[in-house]
C-alpha atoms as a PDB file:
ATOM      1  CA  UNK A   1      17.350  29.189  10.353  1.00  0.00           C
ATOM      2  CA  UNK A   2      16.152  27.769  13.328  1.00  0.00           C
ATOM      3  CA  UNK A   3      16.153  23.735  12.571  1.00  0.00           C
ATOM      4  CA  UNK A   4      12.447  22.259  12.740  1.00  0.00           C
ATOM      5  CA  UNK A   5      11.299  20.247  15.436  1.00  0.00           C
ATOM      6  CA  UNK A   6      11.150  16.986  13.800  1.00  0.00           C
ATOM      7  CA  UNK A   7      11.478  16.037   9.675  1.00  0.00           C
ATOM      8  CA  UNK A   8       9.127  15.204   7.395  1.00  0.00           C
ATOM      9  CA  UNK A   9       7.945  11.898   8.601  1.00  0.00           C
ATOM     10  CA  UNK A  10       4.409  10.484   8.962  1.00  0.00           C
ATOM     11  CA  UNK A  11       2.809  10.650  13.017  1.00  0.00           C
ATOM     12  CA  UNK A  12      -0.655   9.730  13.254  1.00  0.00           C
ATOM     13  CA  UNK A  13      -2.998  12.045  14.147  1.00  0.00           C
ATOM     14  CA  UNK A  14      -6.393  11.775  15.410  1.00  0.00           C
ATOM     15  CA  UNK A  15      -8.635  11.719  13.149  1.00  0.00           C
ATOM     16  CA  UNK A  16      -9.276  11.645   9.324  1.00  0.00           C
ATOM     17  CA  UNK A  17     -11.870  12.724   6.724  1.00  0.00           C
ATOM     18  CA  UNK A  18     -13.765  10.452   4.759  1.00  0.00           C
ATOM     19  CA  UNK A  19     -16.137  11.482   1.867  1.00  0.00           C
ATOM     20  CA  UNK A  20     -17.950   9.184  -0.670  1.00  0.00           C
ATOM     21  CA  UNK A  21     -19.128   9.553  -3.870  1.00  0.00           C
ATOM     22  CA  UNK A  22     -21.780   7.241  -4.786  1.00  0.00           C
ATOM     23  CA  UNK A  23     -24.791   7.293  -6.605  1.00  0.00           C
ATOM     24  CA  UNK A  24     -23.612  10.476  -8.718  1.00  0.00           C
ATOM     25  CA  UNK A  25     -23.629  12.467  -6.097  1.00  0.00           C
ATOM     26  CA  UNK A  26     -20.992  13.209  -2.703  1.00  0.00           C
ATOM     27  CA  UNK A  27     -22.250  11.779   0.501  1.00  0.00           C
ATOM     28  CA  UNK A  28     -21.856  13.653   3.637  1.00  0.00           C
ATOM     29  CA  UNK A  29     -18.121  13.580   4.885  1.00  0.00           C
ATOM     30  CA  UNK A  30     -17.454  12.211   8.760  1.00  0.00           C
ATOM     31  CA  UNK A  31     -14.364  12.214  10.710  1.00  0.00           C
ATOM     32  CA  UNK A  32     -12.930   8.706  11.877  1.00  0.00           C
ATOM     33  CA  UNK A  33     -10.318   7.671  14.790  1.00  0.00           C
ATOM     34  CA  UNK A  34      -8.729   5.543  11.989  1.00  0.00           C
ATOM     35  CA  UNK A  35      -5.911   6.047   9.243  1.00  0.00           C
ATOM     36  CA  UNK A  36      -7.168   2.626   7.556  1.00  0.00           C
ATOM     37  CA  UNK A  37      -9.437   1.895   5.196  1.00  0.00           C
ATOM     38  CA  UNK A  38     -10.964  -0.749   2.998  1.00  0.00           C
ATOM     39  CA  UNK A  39     -10.625  -0.950  -0.741  1.00  0.00           C
ATOM     40  CA  UNK A  40     -12.502  -3.653  -3.233  1.00  0.00           C
ATOM     41  CA  UNK A  41      -8.873  -4.887  -5.202  1.00  0.00           C
ATOM     42  CA  UNK A  42     -10.425  -4.014  -8.657  1.00  0.00           C
ATOM     43  CA  UNK A  43     -10.530  -0.403  -7.309  1.00  0.00           C
ATOM     44  CA  UNK A  44      -8.992   2.161 -10.392  1.00  0.00           C
ATOM     45  CA  UNK A  45      -6.921   3.675  -8.226  1.00  0.00           C
ATOM     46  CA  UNK A  46      -4.888   0.302  -7.768  1.00  0.00           C
ATOM     47  CA  UNK A  47      -4.812  -0.840 -11.491  1.00  0.00           C
ATOM     48  CA  UNK A  48      -5.296   2.846 -13.820  1.00  0.00           C
ATOM     49  CA  UNK A  49      -3.852   5.593 -11.294  1.00  0.00           C
ATOM     50  CA  UNK A  50      -7.179   7.316 -10.799  1.00  0.00           C
ATOM     51  CA  UNK A  51      -5.710   9.430  -7.603  1.00  0.00           C
ATOM     52  CA  UNK A  52      -4.942  13.031  -7.109  1.00  0.00           C
ATOM     53  CA  UNK A  53      -3.905  14.881  -4.290  1.00  0.00           C
ATOM     54  CA  UNK A  54      -2.578  18.046  -2.932  1.00  0.00           C
ATOM     55  CA  UNK A  55      -0.546  19.235  -0.084  1.00  0.00           C
ATOM     56  CA  UNK A  56      -1.062  21.760   1.995  1.00  0.00           C
ATOM     57  CA  UNK A  57       0.331  23.080   5.477  1.00  0.00           C
ATOM     58  CA  UNK A  58      -1.850  24.274   8.737  1.00  0.00           C
ATOM     59  CA  UNK A  59       0.333  27.093  10.608  1.00  0.00           C
ATOM     60  CA  UNK A  60       0.395  28.560  14.412  1.00  0.00           C
ATOM     61  CA  UNK A  61       0.641  31.951  14.681  1.00  0.00           C
ATOM     62  CA  UNK A  62       2.599  34.675  17.503  1.00  0.00           C
ATOM     63  CA  UNK A  63      -0.740  35.049  18.895  1.00  0.00           C
ATOM     64  CA  UNK A  64      -1.945  31.076  18.803  1.00  0.00           C
ATOM     65  CA  UNK A  65      -4.443  31.640  15.894  1.00  0.00           C
ATOM     66  CA  UNK A  66      -4.353  28.897  13.537  1.00  0.00           C
ATOM     67  CA  UNK A  67      -4.326  29.641   9.479  1.00  0.00           C
ATOM     68  CA  UNK A  68      -4.197  27.557   6.164  1.00  0.00           C
ATOM     69  CA  UNK A  69      -2.270  29.249   3.215  1.00  0.00           C
ATOM     70  CA  UNK A  70      -3.913  30.098   0.120  1.00  0.00           C
ATOM     71  CA  UNK A  71      -6.168  27.417   0.577  1.00  0.00           C
ATOM     72  CA  UNK A  72      -8.687  27.771  -2.112  1.00  0.00           C
ATOM     73  CA  UNK A  73      -6.168  27.484  -4.533  1.00  0.00           C
ATOM     74  CA  UNK A  74      -5.541  23.744  -3.859  1.00  0.00           C
ATOM     75  CA  UNK A  75      -8.680  23.569  -3.725  1.00  0.00           C
ATOM     76  CA  UNK A  76      -9.080  24.824  -7.268  1.00  0.00           C
ATOM     77  CA  UNK A  77      -6.009  22.925  -8.485  1.00  0.00           C
ATOM     78  CA  UNK A  78      -7.427  19.791  -6.834  1.00  0.00           C
ATOM     79  CA  UNK A  79     -10.297  20.373  -8.993  1.00  0.00           C
ATOM     80  CA  UNK A  80      -8.310  20.690 -12.310  1.00  0.00           C
ATOM     81  CA  UNK A  81      -6.242  17.826 -11.267  1.00  0.00           C
ATOM     82  CA  UNK A  82      -9.571  15.034 -10.757  1.00  0.00           C
ATOM     83  CA  UNK A  83     -11.195  16.575 -13.943  1.00  0.00           C
ATOM     84  CA  UNK A  84      -7.691  15.270 -15.988  1.00  0.00           C
ATOM     85  CA  UNK A  85      -8.505  11.777 -14.592  1.00  0.00           C
ATOM     86  CA  UNK A  86     -12.484  12.028 -15.062  1.00  0.00           C
ATOM     87  CA  UNK A  87     -12.991  12.181 -11.128  1.00  0.00           C
ATOM     88  CA  UNK A  88     -16.264  14.103 -10.038  1.00  0.00           C
ATOM     89  CA  UNK A  89     -15.109  17.460  -8.723  1.00  0.00           C
ATOM     90  CA  UNK A  90     -15.384  17.814  -5.069  1.00  0.00           C
ATOM     91  CA  UNK A  91     -16.869  21.281  -4.059  1.00  0.00           C
ATOM     92  CA  UNK A  92     -14.534  24.578  -3.352  1.00  0.00           C
ATOM     93  CA  UNK A  93     -16.277  25.355  -0.175  1.00  0.00           C
ATOM     94  CA  UNK A  94     -16.937  22.290   0.905  1.00  0.00           C
ATOM     95  CA  UNK A  95     -12.967  20.967   0.435  1.00  0.00           C
ATOM     96  CA  UNK A  96     -11.757  23.980   2.325  1.00  0.00           C
ATOM     97  CA  UNK A  97     -14.897  23.787   5.491  1.00  0.00           C
ATOM     98  CA  UNK A  98     -12.989  19.694   5.285  1.00  0.00           C
ATOM     99  CA  UNK A  99      -9.708  20.413   5.313  1.00  0.00           C
ATOM    100  CA  UNK A 100     -10.982  23.081   8.522  1.00  0.00           C
ATOM    101  CA  UNK A 101     -12.614  20.471  10.142  1.00  0.00           C
ATOM    102  CA  UNK A 102      -9.848  18.043   9.932  1.00  0.00           C
ATOM    103  CA  UNK A 103      -7.068  20.657  11.219  1.00  0.00           C
ATOM    104  CA  UNK A 104      -9.193  21.386  14.254  1.00  0.00           C
ATOM    105  CA  UNK A 105     -10.090  18.200  14.898  1.00  0.00           C
ATOM    106  CA  UNK A 106      -6.114  16.963  15.248  1.00  0.00           C
ATOM    107  CA  UNK A 107      -5.210  20.646  16.840  1.00  0.00           C
ATOM    108  CA  UNK A 108      -2.754  19.426  19.600  1.00  0.00           C
ATOM    109  CA  UNK A 109      -0.696  18.177  16.588  1.00  0.00           C
ATOM    110  CA  UNK A 110      -0.224  21.679  15.282  1.00  0.00           C
ATOM    111  CA  UNK A 111       3.597  22.760  16.259  1.00  0.00           C
ATOM    112  CA  UNK A 112       4.122  25.805  18.562  1.00  0.00           C
ATOM    113  CA  UNK A 113       5.259  29.045  16.855  1.00  0.00           C
ATOM    114  CA  UNK A 114       8.582  29.316  16.350  1.00  0.00           C
ATOM    115  CA  UNK A 115      10.120  26.283  15.103  1.00  0.00           C
ATOM    116  CA  UNK A 116       9.162  26.601  11.423  1.00  0.00           C
ATOM    117  CA  UNK A 117       7.124  23.277  12.025  1.00  0.00           C
ATOM    118  CA  UNK A 118       3.824  22.964  10.873  1.00  0.00           C
ATOM    119  CA  UNK A 119       0.798  20.563  10.011  1.00  0.00           C
ATOM    120  CA  UNK A 120       1.307  18.788   7.072  1.00  0.00           C
ATOM    121  CA  UNK A 121      -2.325  18.552   5.068  1.00  0.00           C
ATOM    122  CA  UNK A 122      -3.028  15.644   2.697  1.00  0.00           C
ATOM    123  CA  UNK A 123      -6.106  15.573   0.891  1.00  0.00           C
ATOM    124  CA  UNK A 124      -7.009  13.223  -1.456  1.00  0.00           C
ATOM    125  CA  UNK A 125      -9.099  11.128  -4.029  1.00  0.00           C
ATOM    126  CA  UNK A 126      -9.078   7.933  -5.369  1.00  0.00           C
ATOM    127  CA  UNK A 127     -11.044   5.335  -7.809  1.00  0.00           C
ATOM    128  CA  UNK A 128     -12.978   3.360  -5.105  1.00  0.00           C
ATOM    129  CA  UNK A 129     -15.629   0.802  -5.772  1.00  0.00           C
ATOM    130  CA  UNK A 130     -15.276  -2.646  -7.917  1.00  0.00           C
ATOM    131  CA  UNK A 131     -14.511  -2.023 -11.389  1.00  0.00           C
ATOM    132  CA  UNK A 132     -12.499  -3.650 -14.355  1.00  0.00           C
ATOM    133  CA  UNK A 133     -11.956  -2.723 -17.564  1.00  0.00           C
ATOM    134  CA  UNK A 134     -10.189   0.703 -18.583  1.00  0.00           C
ATOM    135  CA  UNK A 135     -12.211   3.312 -17.709  1.00  0.00           C
ATOM    136  CA  UNK A 136     -13.429   5.882 -15.060  1.00  0.00           C
ATOM    137  CA  UNK A 137     -14.304   4.323 -11.638  1.00  0.00           C
ATOM    138  CA  UNK A 138     -18.629   4.802 -10.662  1.00  0.00           C
ATOM    139  CA  UNK A 139     -17.926   5.749  -7.138  1.00  0.00           C
ATOM    140  CA  UNK A 140     -15.219   7.712  -4.955  1.00  0.00           C
ATOM    141  CA  UNK A 141     -13.424   8.308  -1.951  1.00  0.00           C
ATOM    142  CA  UNK A 142     -12.231  12.068  -0.745  1.00  0.00           C
ATOM    143  CA  UNK A 143     -10.505  12.237   2.149  1.00  0.00           C
ATOM    144  CA  UNK A 144      -8.153  13.880   4.499  1.00  0.00           C
ATOM    145  CA  UNK A 145      -5.315  13.170   6.997  1.00  0.00           C
ATOM    146  CA  UNK A 146      -2.672  15.266   8.572  1.00  0.00           C
ATOM    147  CA  UNK A 147       0.732  15.222  10.328  1.00  0.00           C
ATOM    148  CA  UNK A 148       2.877  17.361  11.881  1.00  0.00           C
ATOM    149  CA  UNK A 149       6.532  18.020   9.834  1.00  0.00           C
ATOM    150  CA  UNK A 150       9.526  20.095   9.783  1.00  0.00           C
ATOM    151  CA  UNK A 151      11.737  20.820   6.443  1.00  0.00           C
ATOM    152  CA  UNK A 152      11.349  18.007   3.846  1.00  0.00           C
ATOM    153  CA  UNK A 153      15.039  19.039   3.295  1.00  0.00           C
ATOM    154  CA  UNK A 154      16.118  19.968   6.235  1.00  0.00           C
ATOM    155  CA  UNK A 155      17.229  23.559   5.720  1.00  0.00           C
ATOM    156  CA  UNK A 156      20.218  21.651   3.361  1.00  0.00           C
ATOM    157  CA  UNK A 157      21.629  23.166   0.325  1.00  0.00           C
ATOM    158  CA  UNK A 158      21.159  20.610  -1.741  1.00  0.00           C
ATOM    159  CA  UNK A 159      23.439  18.811  -4.463  1.00  0.00           C
ATOM    160  CA  UNK A 160      21.524  17.522  -8.082  1.00  0.00           C
ATOM    161  CA  UNK A 161      22.148  15.932 -10.804  1.00  0.00           C
ATOM    162  CA  UNK A 162      20.056  16.071 -14.035  1.00  0.00           C
ATOM    163  CA  UNK A 163      18.141  12.422 -14.789  1.00  0.00           C
ATOM    164  CA  UNK A 164      17.804  10.617 -18.270  1.00  0.00           C
ATOM    165  CA  UNK A 165      13.989   9.631 -17.458  1.00  0.00           C
ATOM    166  CA  UNK A 166      10.987  12.152 -18.111  1.00  0.00           C
ATOM    167  CA  UNK A 167       8.943  13.156 -15.125  1.00  0.00           C
ATOM    168  CA  UNK A 168       6.522  13.815 -18.280  1.00  0.00           C
ATOM    169  CA  UNK A 169       4.990  13.680 -21.003  1.00  0.00           C
ATOM    170  CA  UNK A 170       5.092  16.609 -23.162  1.00  0.00           C
ATOM    171  CA  UNK A 171       0.824  16.666 -23.275  1.00  0.00           C
ATOM    172  CA  UNK A 172       0.778  14.391 -20.777  1.00  0.00           C
ATOM    173  CA  UNK A 173      -0.504  14.737 -16.752  1.00  0.00           C
ATOM    174  CA  UNK A 174       2.550  17.489 -15.916  1.00  0.00           C
ATOM    175  CA  UNK A 175       0.045  19.942 -15.033  1.00  0.00           C
ATOM    176  CA  UNK A 176      -1.697  17.727 -12.477  1.00  0.00           C
ATOM    177  CA  UNK A 177      -1.047  16.975  -9.335  1.00  0.00           C
ATOM    178  CA  UNK A 178      -1.717  13.218 -10.267  1.00  0.00           C
ATOM    179  CA  UNK A 179      -0.067  10.267  -8.223  1.00  0.00           C
ATOM    180  CA  UNK A 180       0.975   8.973 -11.684  1.00  0.00           C
ATOM    181  CA  UNK A 181       3.869  11.930 -11.639  1.00  0.00           C
ATOM    182  CA  UNK A 182       5.193  11.049  -8.829  1.00  0.00           C
ATOM    183  CA  UNK A 183       5.646   7.000  -9.091  1.00  0.00           C
ATOM    184  CA  UNK A 184       6.956   8.001 -12.614  1.00  0.00           C
ATOM    185  CA  UNK A 185       9.981  10.133 -10.515  1.00  0.00           C
ATOM    186  CA  UNK A 186      11.221   7.822  -8.075  1.00  0.00           C
ATOM    187  CA  UNK A 187      13.871   5.297 -10.080  1.00  0.00           C
ATOM    188  CA  UNK A 188      15.265   8.879 -11.167  1.00  0.00           C
ATOM    189  CA  UNK A 189      15.293   9.934  -7.508  1.00  0.00           C
ATOM    190  CA  UNK A 190      16.777   6.462  -6.777  1.00  0.00           C
ATOM    191  CA  UNK A 191      19.467   7.019  -9.299  1.00  0.00           C
ATOM    192  CA  UNK A 192      20.496   9.912  -7.784  1.00  0.00           C
ATOM    193  CA  UNK A 193      20.761   9.099  -4.216  1.00  0.00           C
ATOM    194  CA  UNK A 194      22.613   6.129  -4.834  1.00  0.00           C
ATOM    195  CA  UNK A 195      25.426   8.336  -6.562  1.00  0.00           C
ATOM    196  CA  UNK A 196      25.554  10.252  -3.890  1.00  0.00           C
ATOM    197  CA  UNK A 197      22.759  13.402  -4.719  1.00  0.00           C
ATOM    198  CA  UNK A 198      20.156  14.800  -2.776  1.00  0.00           C
ATOM    199  CA  UNK A 199      17.674  14.928  -6.035  1.00  0.00           C
ATOM    200  CA  UNK A 200      17.408  14.708  -9.779  1.00  0.00           C
ATOM    201  CA  UNK A 201      16.513  17.547 -11.732  1.00  0.00           C
ATOM    202  CA  UNK A 202      14.363  16.619 -14.685  1.00  0.00           C
ATOM    203  CA  UNK A 203      14.820  18.066 -18.350  1.00  0.00           C
ATOM    204  CA  UNK A 204      12.056  19.151 -20.288  1.00  0.00           C
ATOM    205  CA  UNK A 205      10.814  15.642 -22.200  1.00  0.00           C
ATOM    206  CA  UNK A 206      10.862  17.233 -25.731  1.00  0.00           C
ATOM    207  CA  UNK A 207      14.612  18.257 -26.073  1.00  0.00           C
ATOM    208  CA  UNK A 208      15.818  17.383 -22.791  1.00  0.00           C
ATOM    209  CA  UNK A 209      17.529  21.213 -22.619  1.00  0.00           C
ATOM    210  CA  UNK A 210      15.902  23.125 -20.063  1.00  0.00           C
ATOM    211  CA  UNK A 211      14.859  22.754 -16.388  1.00  0.00           C
ATOM    212  CA  UNK A 212      11.870  21.688 -15.462  1.00  0.00           C
ATOM    213  CA  UNK A 213      11.327  20.998 -12.168  1.00  0.00           C
ATOM    214  CA  UNK A 214      13.399  19.805  -9.515  1.00  0.00           C
ATOM    215  CA  UNK A 215      12.273  16.560  -8.308  1.00  0.00           C
ATOM    216  CA  UNK A 216       9.317  16.690  -7.013  1.00  0.00           C
ATOM    217  CA  UNK A 217       9.224  20.193  -6.579  1.00  0.00           C
ATOM    218  CA  UNK A 218       9.509  23.426  -8.568  1.00  0.00           C
ATOM    219  CA  UNK A 219      12.878  24.827  -9.750  1.00  0.00           C
ATOM    220  CA  UNK A 220      13.566  28.979  -9.719  1.00  0.00           C
ATOM    221  CA  UNK A 221      16.735  31.264  -9.751  1.00  0.00           C
ATOM    222  CA  UNK A 222      18.278  34.124  -9.266  1.00  0.00           C
ATOM    223  CA  UNK A 223      19.711  35.408 -12.293  1.00  0.00           C
ATOM    224  CA  UNK A 224      23.317  38.025 -12.209  1.00  0.00           C
ATOM    225  CA  UNK A 225      21.368  40.293 -13.256  1.00  0.00           C
ATOM    226  CA  UNK A 226      19.005  40.146 -10.100  1.00  0.00           C
ATOM    227  CA  UNK A 227      15.645  38.715 -12.234  1.00  0.00           C
ATOM    228  CA  UNK A 228      13.777  35.831 -10.876  1.00  0.00           C
ATOM    229  CA  UNK A 229      13.523  33.210 -13.382  1.00  0.00           C
ATOM    230  CA  UNK A 230      11.159  29.937 -13.718  1.00  0.00           C
ATOM    231  CA  UNK A 231      10.844  27.322 -15.767  1.00  0.00           C
ATOM    232  CA  UNK A 232       7.218  27.596 -18.268  1.00  0.00           C
ATOM    233  CA  UNK A 233       6.107  24.372 -19.542  1.00  0.00           C
ATOM    234  CA  UNK A 234       2.979  22.870 -20.141  1.00  0.00           C
ATOM    235  CA  UNK A 235       4.802  20.119 -18.320  1.00  0.00           C
ATOM    236  CA  UNK A 236       5.017  21.481 -15.477  1.00  0.00           C
ATOM    237  CA  UNK A 237       2.871  21.798 -12.254  1.00  0.00           C
ATOM    238  CA  UNK A 238       1.201  24.720 -11.424  1.00  0.00           C
ATOM    239  CA  UNK A 239       2.904  24.901  -7.921  1.00  0.00           C
ATOM    240  CA  UNK A 240       1.085  27.424  -5.141  1.00  0.00           C
ATOM    241  CA  UNK A 241       4.394  28.209  -3.513  1.00  0.00           C
ATOM    242  CA  UNK A 242       5.953  29.299  -7.101  1.00  0.00           C
ATOM    243  CA  UNK A 243       2.929  31.646  -8.100  1.00  0.00           C
ATOM    244  CA  UNK A 244       3.288  32.917  -4.253  1.00  0.00           C
ATOM    245  CA  UNK A 245       7.092  33.541  -4.647  1.00  0.00           C
ATOM    246  CA  UNK A 246       6.497  35.336  -8.133  1.00  0.00           C
ATOM    247  CA  UNK A 247       3.937  37.477  -6.446  1.00  0.00           C
ATOM    248  CA  UNK A 248       6.250  38.511  -3.916  1.00  0.00           C
ATOM    249  CA  UNK A 249       9.643  38.942  -6.114  1.00  0.00           C
ATOM    250  CA  UNK A 250       7.391  41.088  -8.345  1.00  0.00           C
ATOM    251  CA  UNK A 251       4.981  43.053  -5.838  1.00  0.00           C
ATOM    252  CA  UNK A 252       7.030  43.319  -3.031  1.00  0.00           C
ATOM    253  CA  UNK A 253      10.727  42.943  -3.560  1.00  0.00           C
ATOM    254  CA  UNK A 254      10.379  44.554  -6.882  1.00  0.00           C
ATOM    255  CA  UNK A 255      12.306  42.274  -9.016  1.00  0.00           C
ATOM    256  CA  UNK A 256      12.209  41.574 -13.096  1.00  0.00           C
ATOM    257  CA  UNK A 257      10.346  38.061 -13.260  1.00  0.00           C
ATOM    258  CA  UNK A 258      10.144  35.562 -16.373  1.00  0.00           C
ATOM    259  CA  UNK A 259       8.359  32.670 -16.262  1.00  0.00           C
ATOM    260  CA  UNK A 260      10.510  31.155 -19.705  1.00  0.00           C
ATOM    261  CA  UNK A 261      13.075  28.339 -20.263  1.00  0.00           C
ATOM    262  CA  UNK A 262      15.401  27.646 -18.345  1.00  0.00           C
ATOM    263  CA  UNK A 263      18.153  26.005 -20.284  1.00  0.00           C
ATOM    264  CA  UNK A 264      20.763  23.922 -18.390  1.00  0.00           C
ATOM    265  CA  UNK A 265      23.659  24.675 -20.632  1.00  0.00           C
ATOM    266  CA  UNK A 266      22.953  28.611 -19.548  1.00  0.00           C
ATOM    267  CA  UNK A 267      23.954  28.159 -15.400  1.00  0.00           C
ATOM    268  CA  UNK A 268      26.697  30.483 -15.925  1.00  0.00           C
ATOM    269  CA  UNK A 269      24.342  33.253 -15.456  1.00  0.00           C
ATOM    270  CA  UNK A 270      22.353  32.183 -12.221  1.00  0.00           C
ATOM    271  CA  UNK A 271      23.620  33.129  -9.097  1.00  0.00           C
ATOM    272  CA  UNK A 272      21.167  31.315  -6.650  1.00  0.00           C
ATOM    273  CA  UNK A 273      19.180  28.314  -7.252  1.00  0.00           C
ATOM    274  CA  UNK A 274      16.443  26.674  -5.340  1.00  0.00           C
ATOM    275  CA  UNK A 275      13.502  23.901  -5.246  1.00  0.00           C
ATOM    276  CA  UNK A 276       9.703  25.153  -3.692  1.00  0.00           C
ATOM    277  CA  UNK A 277       7.016  23.841  -2.760  1.00  0.00           C
ATOM    278  CA  UNK A 278       4.645  22.997   0.035  1.00  0.00           C
ATOM    279  CA  UNK A 279       7.060  20.271   1.570  1.00  0.00           C
ATOM    280  CA  UNK A 280      10.282  21.858   0.251  1.00  0.00           C
ATOM    281  CA  UNK A 281       8.942  25.556   1.182  1.00  0.00           C
ATOM    282  CA  UNK A 282      12.554  26.690  -0.184  1.00  0.00           C
ATOM    283  CA  UNK A 283      15.607  24.305  -0.178  1.00  0.00           C
ATOM    284  CA  UNK A 284      18.900  26.081  -1.783  1.00  0.00           C
ATOM    285  CA  UNK A 285      20.407  24.047  -4.654  1.00  0.00           C
ATOM    286  CA  UNK A 286      24.180  24.184  -4.263  1.00  0.00           C
ATOM    287  CA  UNK A 287      25.135  22.327  -7.320  1.00  0.00           C
ATOM    288  CA  UNK A 288      23.560  20.767 -10.296  1.00  0.00           C
ATOM    289  CA  UNK A 289      25.795  18.245 -12.558  1.00  0.00           C
ATOM    290  CA  UNK A 290      24.900  17.613 -15.973  1.00  0.00           C
ATOM    291  CA  UNK A 291      26.921  14.838 -18.356  1.00  0.00           C
ATOM    292  CA  UNK A 292      29.317  14.380 -15.831  1.00  0.00           C
ATOM    293  CA  UNK A 293      30.764  17.879 -15.531  1.00  0.00           C
ATOM    294  CA  UNK A 294      29.823  20.105 -11.943  1.00  0.00           C
ATOM    295  CA  UNK A 295      28.204  23.634 -11.882  1.00  0.00           C
ATOM    296  CA  UNK A 296      28.558  24.744  -8.093  1.00  0.00           C
ATOM    297  CA  UNK A 297      26.510  27.833  -7.715  1.00  0.00           C
ATOM    298  CA  UNK A 298      28.251  31.217  -6.578  1.00  0.00           C
ATOM    299  CA  UNK A 299      25.945  31.026  -3.085  1.00  0.00           C
ATOM    300  CA  UNK A 300      26.614  27.269  -2.730  1.00  0.00           C
ATOM    301  CA  UNK A 301      26.934  26.846   1.004  1.00  0.00           C
ATOM    302  CA  UNK A 302      23.175  28.149   2.232  1.00  0.00           C
ATOM    303  CA  UNK A 303      20.839  30.265   0.922  1.00  0.00           C
ATOM    304  CA  UNK A 304      21.964  33.208  -1.430  1.00  0.00           C
ATOM    305  CA  UNK A 305      20.856  36.703   0.014  1.00  0.00           C
ATOM    306  CA  UNK A 306      17.940  37.603  -2.261  1.00  0.00           C
ATOM    307  CA  UNK A 307      16.540  33.704  -1.942  1.00  0.00           C
ATOM    308  CA  UNK A 308      16.765  34.429   2.042  1.00  0.00           C
ATOM    309  CA  UNK A 309      14.432  37.440   1.454  1.00  0.00           C
ATOM    310  CA  UNK A 310      11.677  35.813  -0.355  1.00  0.00           C
ATOM    311  CA  UNK A 311      12.266  32.874   1.973  1.00  0.00           C
ATOM    312  CA  UNK A 312      11.841  34.936   4.884  1.00  0.00           C
ATOM    313  CA  UNK A 313       8.552  37.096   3.338  1.00  0.00           C
ATOM    314  CA  UNK A 314       6.918  33.612   2.506  1.00  0.00           C
ATOM    315  CA  UNK A 315       7.154  32.083   5.670  1.00  0.00           C
ATOM    316  CA  UNK A 316       6.317  35.348   7.658  1.00  0.00           C
ATOM    317  CA  UNK A 317       3.157  35.272   5.635  1.00  0.00           C
ATOM    318  CA  UNK A 318       2.604  31.519   6.432  1.00  0.00           C
ATOM    319  CA  UNK A 319       3.094  32.535   9.847  1.00  0.00           C
ATOM    320  CA  UNK A 320       1.292  35.432  10.267  1.00  0.00           C
ATOM    321  CA  UNK A 321       4.241  37.773  11.013  1.00  0.00           C
ATOM    322  CA  UNK A 322       4.029  39.530   7.901  1.00  0.00           C
ATOM    323  CA  UNK A 323       0.363  40.859   6.648  1.00  0.00           C
ATOM    324  CA  UNK A 324      -1.454  38.756   4.349  1.00  0.00           C
ATOM    325  CA  UNK A 325      -0.908  40.168   1.291  1.00  0.00           C
ATOM    326  CA  UNK A 326      -3.631  39.216  -1.525  1.00  0.00           C
ATOM    327  CA  UNK A 327      -6.294  37.157   0.569  1.00  0.00           C
ATOM    328  CA  UNK A 328      -4.131  34.378   0.847  1.00  0.00           C
ATOM    329  CA  UNK A 329      -4.595  33.699   4.002  1.00  0.00           C
ATOM    330  CA  UNK A 330      -7.344  31.909   6.145  1.00  0.00           C
ATOM    331  CA  UNK A 331      -7.813  32.051  10.210  1.00  0.00           C
ATOM    332  CA  UNK A 332      -9.628  29.278  11.052  1.00  0.00           C
ATOM    333  CA  UNK A 333      -9.116  29.592  14.882  1.00  0.00           C
END
């Protein structure tokens, strides 16, 4: 893989999108140059965690086009996340239109084709206005900002360690992309990094015997008998990158795909392991340490051959080098 233009850090861009929910309806959205806003000290987002978000990217193709990857899927998942926190749905078409406007308003920040960098897009909603007491807000802010990014893990194979902490409760908010899930992951990630690991592996909250997530990314693996496996659970985020890889594995690489339990004690059956997500794209996992025992995967210095095929097809679609397989791409310029 080529080295990206920059790492995964915030860079202020030209304009952000803002829309307010007031008097039981969404007001007309607008673009503003500032990346700051004023918020009430009593807002529910600050005290009760009423905040949901999405992660997306815009890509520049070899021919100079700008395109989004599965934006309508992000819009639908965003609605599901907001519903889980009793926040008003933002209309799907309006969501995609707002993303499009924000990206085009910051077109000069979209990295050039060829260095595997992209424009990261962060739509979010927060409880807004003056509130007190544990109840949903009556006003909300929907906003979008963008920033140019490279790889979240800079293309390295990762050494990971299982955590004793849970990312989400069995019937909690694990399937939703809400702020609380990420706040609860910070201590586990800090402990892992303090111990010299790249990130942590979260196990299932009921039994602590099954892999659920790789830090803040989904987990998948290739077994020694060449199956694509990925955890299935009510407390795992329904990743759009993972959905795409399942499709690619099944329909383009003719692999047997299983969404199933992935037991931490069965790592010896795995030849390739990886974290996947919008930020991570596909980041190979070199090893997982569990209860003091380090398991090193056969392909641990770089991507395994099947993971590399999945990666090449995924980014080929995202950057326009491989035809769109199933209405995933929206060309916006």
